[in-house]
Amino acid sequence: MKVAFVVYYSKLNRNSFNALSAALGVDEVTKDIPIYFVKKEEDLIKGLCEIKQNYDMTVVGTSFLQPKFGR
């Protein structure tokens, strides 16, 4: 099964996704899963639509940070 991992890579969550990406890259089970970083919120849906066409499963990573609540 071909799997892709897509993250919305904003200024507020870069450090979290850098650590997660590094961990995925060294794990035997997940090291070959491609990771796509979408940097603009307006590109997220378009990027997902394009990426998911090439994979059996597309996993979307998001981060819920306290400073982002209420925005």
PDB file of N, CA and C in Angstrom:
ATOM      1  N   MET A   1       0.855  -1.178   0.000  1.00  0.00           N
ATOM      2  CA  MET A   1       0.000   0.000   0.000  1.00  0.00           C
ATOM      3  C   MET A   1       0.895   1.233   0.000  1.00  0.00           C
ATOM      4  N   LYS A   2       0.628   2.118  -0.924  1.00  0.00           N
ATOM      5  CA  LYS A   2       1.370   3.382  -0.993  1.00  0.00           C
ATOM      6  C   LYS A   2       0.711   4.416  -0.081  1.00  0.00           C
ATOM      7  N   VAL A   3       1.518   4.959   0.840  1.00  0.00           N
ATOM      8  CA  VAL A   3       1.017   5.907   1.837  1.00  0.00           C
ATOM      9  C   VAL A   3       1.823   7.200   1.742  1.00  0.00           C
ATOM     10  N   ALA A   4       1.142   8.338   1.869  1.00  0.00           N
ATOM     11  CA  ALA A   4       1.791   9.649   1.924  1.00  0.00           C
ATOM     12  C   ALA A   4       1.369  10.351   3.212  1.00  0.00           C
ATOM     13  N   PHE A   5       2.258  11.187   3.713  1.00  0.00           N
ATOM     14  CA  PHE A   5       1.972  11.979   4.910  1.00  0.00           C
ATOM     15  C   PHE A   5       2.074  13.448   4.519  1.00  0.00           C
ATOM     16  N   VAL A   6       1.012  14.200   4.760  1.00  0.00           N
ATOM     17  CA  VAL A   6       0.947  15.613   4.392  1.00  0.00           C
ATOM     18  C   VAL A   6       0.760  16.436   5.649  1.00  0.00           C
ATOM     19  N   VAL A   7       1.562  17.506   5.790  1.00  0.00           N
ATOM     20  CA  VAL A   7       1.405  18.380   6.940  1.00  0.00           C
ATOM     21  C   VAL A   7       1.243  19.825   6.490  1.00  0.00           C
ATOM     22  N   TYR A   8       0.421  20.542   7.229  1.00  0.00           N
ATOM     23  CA  TYR A   8       0.330  21.995   7.041  1.00  0.00           C
ATOM     24  C   TYR A   8       1.424  22.591   7.898  1.00  0.00           C
ATOM     25  N   TYR A   9       2.451  23.076   7.248  1.00  0.00           N
ATOM     26  CA  TYR A   9       3.718  23.471   7.868  1.00  0.00           C
ATOM     27  C   TYR A   9       3.751  24.977   8.068  1.00  0.00           C
ATOM     28  N   SER A  10       3.099  25.453   9.130  1.00  0.00           N
ATOM     29  CA  SER A  10       3.042  26.896   9.393  1.00  0.00           C
ATOM     30  C   SER A  10       4.180  27.312  10.333  1.00  0.00           C
ATOM     31  N   LYS A  11       4.347  28.606  10.495  1.00  0.00           N
ATOM     32  CA  LYS A  11       5.382  29.127  11.400  1.00  0.00           C
ATOM     33  C   LYS A  11       5.197  28.606  12.828  1.00  0.00           C
ATOM     34  N   LEU A  12       3.949  28.463  13.246  1.00  0.00           N
ATOM     35  CA  LEU A  12       3.665  28.094  14.633  1.00  0.00           C
ATOM     36  C   LEU A  12       3.897  26.618  14.938  1.00  0.00           C
ATOM     37  N   ASN A  13       3.963  25.768  13.899  1.00  0.00           N
ATOM     38  CA  ASN A  13       4.119  24.342  14.201  1.00  0.00           C
ATOM     39  C   ASN A  13       5.343  23.706  13.550  1.00  0.00           C
ATOM     40  N   ARG A  14       6.238  24.489  13.007  1.00  0.00           N
ATOM     41  CA  ARG A  14       7.410  23.934  12.316  1.00  0.00           C
ATOM     42  C   ARG A  14       8.257  23.039  13.204  1.00  0.00           C
ATOM     43  N   ASN A  15       8.532  23.483  14.410  1.00  0.00           N
ATOM     44  CA  ASN A  15       9.384  22.681  15.289  1.00  0.00           C
ATOM     45  C   ASN A  15       8.765  21.325  15.602  1.00  0.00           C
ATOM     46  N   SER A  16       7.468  21.301  15.822  1.00  0.00           N
ATOM     47  CA  SER A  16       6.784  20.032  16.098  1.00  0.00           C
ATOM     48  C   SER A  16       6.885  19.088  14.915  1.00  0.00           C
ATOM     49  N   PHE A  17       6.629  19.603  13.721  1.00  0.00           N
ATOM     50  CA  PHE A  17       6.672  18.735  12.548  1.00  0.00           C
ATOM     51  C   PHE A  17       8.093  18.369  12.141  1.00  0.00           C
ATOM     52  N   ASN A  18       9.072  19.210  12.455  1.00  0.00           N
ATOM     53  CA  ASN A  18      10.463  18.828  12.213  1.00  0.00           C
ATOM     54  C   ASN A  18      10.824  17.612  13.060  1.00  0.00           C
ATOM     55  N   ALA A  19      10.436  17.633  14.329  1.00  0.00           N
ATOM     56  CA  ALA A  19      10.724  16.507  15.231  1.00  0.00           C
ATOM     57  C   ALA A  19       9.971  15.250  14.783  1.00  0.00           C
ATOM     58  N   LEU A  20       8.697  15.402  14.438  1.00  0.00           N
ATOM     59  CA  LEU A  20       7.903  14.256  13.991  1.00  0.00           C
ATOM     60  C   LEU A  20       8.464  13.670  12.702  1.00  0.00           C
ATOM     61  N   SER A  21       8.839  14.509  11.765  1.00  0.00           N
ATOM     62  CA  SER A  21       9.394  14.043  10.491  1.00  0.00           C
ATOM     63  C   SER A  21      10.697  13.288  10.700  1.00  0.00           C
ATOM     64  N   ALA A  22      11.534  13.787  11.595  1.00  0.00           N
ATOM     65  CA  ALA A  22      12.791  13.106  11.895  1.00  0.00           C
ATOM     66  C   ALA A  22      12.531  11.730  12.499  1.00  0.00           C
ATOM     67  N   ALA A  23      11.572  11.652  13.401  1.00  0.00           N
ATOM     68  CA  ALA A  23      11.235  10.370  14.025  1.00  0.00           C
ATOM     69  C   ALA A  23      10.681   9.388  12.990  1.00  0.00           C
ATOM     70  N   LEU A  24       9.825   9.854  12.101  1.00  0.00           N
ATOM     71  CA  LEU A  24       9.282   8.987  11.059  1.00  0.00           C
ATOM     72  C   LEU A  24      10.383   8.500  10.120  1.00  0.00           C
ATOM     73  N   GLY A  25      11.364   9.360   9.879  1.00  0.00           N
ATOM     74  CA  GLY A  25      12.441   9.030   8.949  1.00  0.00           C
ATOM     75  C   GLY A  25      13.409   7.979   9.450  1.00  0.00           C
ATOM     76  N   VAL A  26      13.483   7.749  10.739  1.00  0.00           N
ATOM     77  CA  VAL A  26      14.410   6.755  11.273  1.00  0.00           C
ATOM     78  C   VAL A  26      13.707   5.467  11.730  1.00  0.00           C
ATOM     79  N   ASP A  27      12.396   5.461  11.752  1.00  0.00           N
ATOM     80  CA  ASP A  27      11.648   4.275  12.136  1.00  0.00           C
ATOM     81  C   ASP A  27      11.571   3.307  10.955  1.00  0.00           C
ATOM     82  N   GLU A  28      11.811   2.032  11.196  1.00  0.00           N
ATOM     83  CA  GLU A  28      11.815   1.034  10.124  1.00  0.00           C
ATOM     84  C   GLU A  28      10.467   0.941   9.401  1.00  0.00           C
ATOM     85  N   VAL A  29       9.376   1.121  10.102  1.00  0.00           N
ATOM     86  CA  VAL A  29       8.042   0.992   9.501  1.00  0.00           C
ATOM     87  C   VAL A  29       7.684   2.199   8.644  1.00  0.00           C
ATOM     88  N   THR A  30       8.105   3.394   9.056  1.00  0.00           N
ATOM     89  CA  THR A  30       7.651   4.622   8.396  1.00  0.00           C
ATOM     90  C   THR A  30       8.715   5.351   7.588  1.00  0.00           C
ATOM     91  N   LYS A  31       9.939   4.855   7.580  1.00  0.00           N
ATOM     92  CA  LYS A  31      11.037   5.605   6.954  1.00  0.00           C
ATOM     93  C   LYS A  31      10.872   5.840   5.452  1.00  0.00           C
ATOM     94  N   ASP A  32      10.109   4.998   4.767  1.00  0.00           N
ATOM     95  CA  ASP A  32       9.944   5.151   3.319  1.00  0.00           C
ATOM     96  C   ASP A  32       8.683   5.912   2.925  1.00  0.00           C
ATOM     97  N   ILE A  33       7.929   6.394   3.908  1.00  0.00           N
ATOM     98  CA  ILE A  33       6.711   7.161   3.610  1.00  0.00           C
ATOM     99  C   ILE A  33       7.116   8.585   3.244  1.00  0.00           C
ATOM    100  N   PRO A  34       6.729   9.049   2.054  1.00  0.00           N
ATOM    101  CA  PRO A  34       7.057  10.431   1.685  1.00  0.00           C
ATOM    102  C   PRO A  34       6.263  11.424   2.527  1.00  0.00           C
ATOM    103  N   ILE A  35       6.923  12.513   2.883  1.00  0.00           N
ATOM    104  CA  ILE A  35       6.291  13.562   3.683  1.00  0.00           C
ATOM    105  C   ILE A  35       6.222  14.824   2.838  1.00  0.00           C
ATOM    106  N   TYR A  36       5.031  15.380   2.710  1.00  0.00           N
ATOM    107  CA  TYR A  36       4.807  16.607   1.944  1.00  0.00           C
ATOM    108  C   TYR A  36       4.497  17.737   2.918  1.00  0.00           C
ATOM    109  N   PHE A  37       5.207  18.839   2.758  1.00  0.00           N
ATOM    110  CA  PHE A  37       5.013  20.007   3.612  1.00  0.00           C
ATOM    111  C   PHE A  37       4.292  21.090   2.813  1.00  0.00           C
ATOM    112  N   VAL A  38       3.071  21.401   3.206  1.00  0.00           N
ATOM    113  CA  VAL A  38       2.302  22.461   2.559  1.00  0.00           C
ATOM    114  C   VAL A  38       2.446  23.702   3.431  1.00  0.00           C
ATOM    115  N   LYS A  39       3.012  24.762   2.863  1.00  0.00           N
ATOM    116  CA  LYS A  39       3.354  25.935   3.662  1.00  0.00           C
ATOM    117  C   LYS A  39       2.288  27.021   3.701  1.00  0.00           C
ATOM    118  N   LYS A  40       1.370  27.012   2.743  1.00  0.00           N
ATOM    119  CA  LYS A  40       0.328  28.034   2.729  1.00  0.00           C
ATOM    120  C   LYS A  40      -1.030  27.386   2.950  1.00  0.00           C
ATOM    121  N   GLU A  41      -1.804  27.982   3.838  1.00  0.00           N
ATOM    122  CA  GLU A  41      -3.122  27.431   4.155  1.00  0.00           C
ATOM    123  C   GLU A  41      -3.994  27.318   2.909  1.00  0.00           C
ATOM    124  N   GLU A  42      -3.910  28.307   2.044  1.00  0.00           N
ATOM    125  CA  GLU A  42      -4.742  28.289   0.840  1.00  0.00           C
ATOM    126  C   GLU A  42      -4.323  27.198  -0.154  1.00  0.00           C
ATOM    127  N   ASP A  43      -3.127  26.638  -0.004  1.00  0.00           N
ATOM    128  CA  ASP A  43      -2.664  25.567  -0.889  1.00  0.00           C
ATOM    129  C   ASP A  43      -2.954  24.176  -0.339  1.00  0.00           C
ATOM    130  N   LEU A  44      -3.461  24.085   0.872  1.00  0.00           N
ATOM    131  CA  LEU A  44      -3.643  22.790   1.521  1.00  0.00           C
ATOM    132  C   LEU A  44      -4.620  21.890   0.769  1.00  0.00           C
ATOM    133  N   ILE A  45      -5.796  22.358   0.468  1.00  0.00           N
ATOM    134  CA  ILE A  45      -6.802  21.527  -0.207  1.00  0.00           C
ATOM    135  C   ILE A  45      -6.334  21.137  -1.608  1.00  0.00           C
ATOM    136  N   LYS A  46      -5.814  22.101  -2.353  1.00  0.00           N
ATOM    137  CA  LYS A  46      -5.320  21.804  -3.697  1.00  0.00           C
ATOM    138  C   LYS A  46      -4.187  20.777  -3.637  1.00  0.00           C
ATOM    139  N   GLY A  47      -3.264  20.965  -2.705  1.00  0.00           N
ATOM    140  CA  GLY A  47      -2.154  20.032  -2.553  1.00  0.00           C
ATOM    141  C   GLY A  47      -2.626  18.637  -2.194  1.00  0.00           C
ATOM    142  N   LEU A  48      -3.577  18.551  -1.284  1.00  0.00           N
ATOM    143  CA  LEU A  48      -4.123  17.249  -0.904  1.00  0.00           C
ATOM    144  C   LEU A  48      -4.778  16.543  -2.081  1.00  0.00           C
ATOM    145  N   CYS A  49      -5.531  17.281  -2.863  1.00  0.00           N
ATOM    146  CA  CYS A  49      -6.206  16.694  -4.032  1.00  0.00           C
ATOM    147  C   CYS A  49      -5.197  16.128  -5.023  1.00  0.00           C
ATOM    148  N   GLU A  50      -4.099  16.827  -5.226  1.00  0.00           N
ATOM    149  CA  GLU A  50      -3.068  16.359  -6.153  1.00  0.00           C
ATOM    150  C   GLU A  50      -2.301  15.168  -5.589  1.00  0.00           C
ATOM    151  N   ILE A  51      -1.930  15.241  -4.338  1.00  0.00           N
ATOM    152  CA  ILE A  51      -1.124  14.187  -3.711  1.00  0.00           C
ATOM    153  C   ILE A  51      -1.912  12.889  -3.600  1.00  0.00           C
ATOM    154  N   LYS A  52      -3.167  12.965  -3.177  1.00  0.00           N
ATOM    155  CA  LYS A  52      -3.939  11.744  -2.923  1.00  0.00           C
ATOM    156  C   LYS A  52      -4.195  10.923  -4.179  1.00  0.00           C
ATOM    157  N   GLN A  53      -4.052  11.522  -5.342  1.00  0.00           N
ATOM    158  CA  GLN A  53      -4.253  10.780  -6.593  1.00  0.00           C
ATOM    159  C   GLN A  53      -3.167   9.728  -6.811  1.00  0.00           C
ATOM    160  N   ASN A  54      -2.019   9.892  -6.171  1.00  0.00           N
ATOM    161  CA  ASN A  54      -0.896   8.992  -6.389  1.00  0.00           C
ATOM    162  C   ASN A  54      -0.683   7.971  -5.275  1.00  0.00           C
ATOM    163  N   TYR A  55      -1.571   7.969  -4.276  1.00  0.00           N
ATOM    164  CA  TYR A  55      -1.375   7.090  -3.121  1.00  0.00           C
ATOM    165  C   TYR A  55      -2.671   6.380  -2.762  1.00  0.00           C
ATOM    166  N   ASP A  56      -2.521   5.206  -2.148  1.00  0.00           N
ATOM    167  CA  ASP A  56      -3.684   4.467  -1.668  1.00  0.00           C
ATOM    168  C   ASP A  56      -4.254   5.104  -0.401  1.00  0.00           C
ATOM    169  N   MET A  57      -3.370   5.699   0.398  1.00  0.00           N
ATOM    170  CA  MET A  57      -3.786   6.352   1.639  1.00  0.00           C
ATOM    171  C   MET A  57      -2.977   7.629   1.828  1.00  0.00           C
ATOM    172  N   THR A  58      -3.674   8.697   2.194  1.00  0.00           N
ATOM    173  CA  THR A  58      -3.018   9.968   2.480  1.00  0.00           C
ATOM    174  C   THR A  58      -3.375  10.360   3.913  1.00  0.00           C
ATOM    175  N   VAL A  59      -2.338  10.505   4.729  1.00  0.00           N
ATOM    176  CA  VAL A  59      -2.524  10.876   6.134  1.00  0.00           C
ATOM    177  C   VAL A  59      -2.203  12.361   6.262  1.00  0.00           C
ATOM    178  N   VAL A  60      -3.090  13.105   6.909  1.00  0.00           N
ATOM    179  CA  VAL A  60      -2.896  14.541   7.081  1.00  0.00           C
ATOM    180  C   VAL A  60      -2.538  14.820   8.532  1.00  0.00           C
ATOM    181  N   GLY A  61      -1.410  15.516   8.714  1.00  0.00           N
ATOM    182  CA  GLY A  61      -0.985  15.898  10.056  1.00  0.00           C
ATOM    183  C   GLY A  61      -1.297  17.359  10.295  1.00  0.00           C
ATOM    184  N   THR A  62      -1.855  17.629  11.447  1.00  0.00           N
ATOM    185  CA  THR A  62      -2.135  19.004  11.816  1.00  0.00           C
ATOM    186  C   THR A  62      -1.738  19.204  13.272  1.00  0.00           C
ATOM    187  N   SER A  63      -1.612  20.415  13.659  1.00  0.00           N
ATOM    188  CA  SER A  63      -1.214  20.720  15.022  1.00  0.00           C
ATOM    189  C   SER A  63      -2.199  21.726  15.598  1.00  0.00           C
ATOM    190  N   PHE A  64      -2.629  21.465  16.803  1.00  0.00           N
ATOM    191  CA  PHE A  64      -3.525  22.383  17.492  1.00  0.00           C
ATOM    192  C   PHE A  64      -2.743  23.036  18.620  1.00  0.00           C
ATOM    193  N   LEU A  65      -2.381  24.271  18.403  1.00  0.00           N
ATOM    194  CA  LEU A  65      -1.587  25.001  19.380  1.00  0.00           C
ATOM    195  C   LEU A  65      -2.461  26.002  20.123  1.00  0.00           C
ATOM    196  N   GLN A  66      -2.215  26.157  21.373  1.00  0.00           N
ATOM    197  CA  GLN A  66      -2.979  27.119  22.178  1.00  0.00           C
ATOM    198  C   GLN A  66      -2.984  28.510  21.543  1.00  0.00           C
ATOM    199  N   PRO A  67      -1.846  29.031  21.033  1.00  0.00           N
ATOM    200  CA  PRO A  67      -1.864  30.384  20.450  1.00  0.00           C
ATOM    201  C   PRO A  67      -2.767  30.504  19.219  1.00  0.00           C
ATOM    202  N   LYS A  68      -3.096  29.391  18.579  1.00  0.00           N
ATOM    203  CA  LYS A  68      -3.936  29.455  17.375  1.00  0.00           C
ATOM    204  C   LYS A  68      -5.430  29.439  17.699  1.00  0.00           C
ATOM    205  N   PHE A  69      -5.810  29.056  18.910  1.00  0.00           N
ATOM    206  CA  PHE A  69      -7.232  29.019  19.270  1.00  0.00           C
ATOM    207  C   PHE A  69      -7.810  30.420  19.217  1.00  0.00           C
ATOM    208  N   GLY A  70      -9.005  30.522  18.687  1.00  0.00           N
ATOM    209  CA  GLY A  70      -9.692  31.797  18.640  1.00  0.00           C
ATOM    210  C   GLY A  70      -9.340  32.662  17.455  1.00  0.00           C
ATOM    211  N   ARG A  71      -8.497  32.166  16.569  1.00  0.00           N
ATOM    212  CA  ARG A  71      -8.137  32.939  15.373  1.00  0.00           C
ATOM    213  C   ARG A  71      -9.000  32.566  14.221  1.00  0.00           C
TER     214      ARG A  71
END
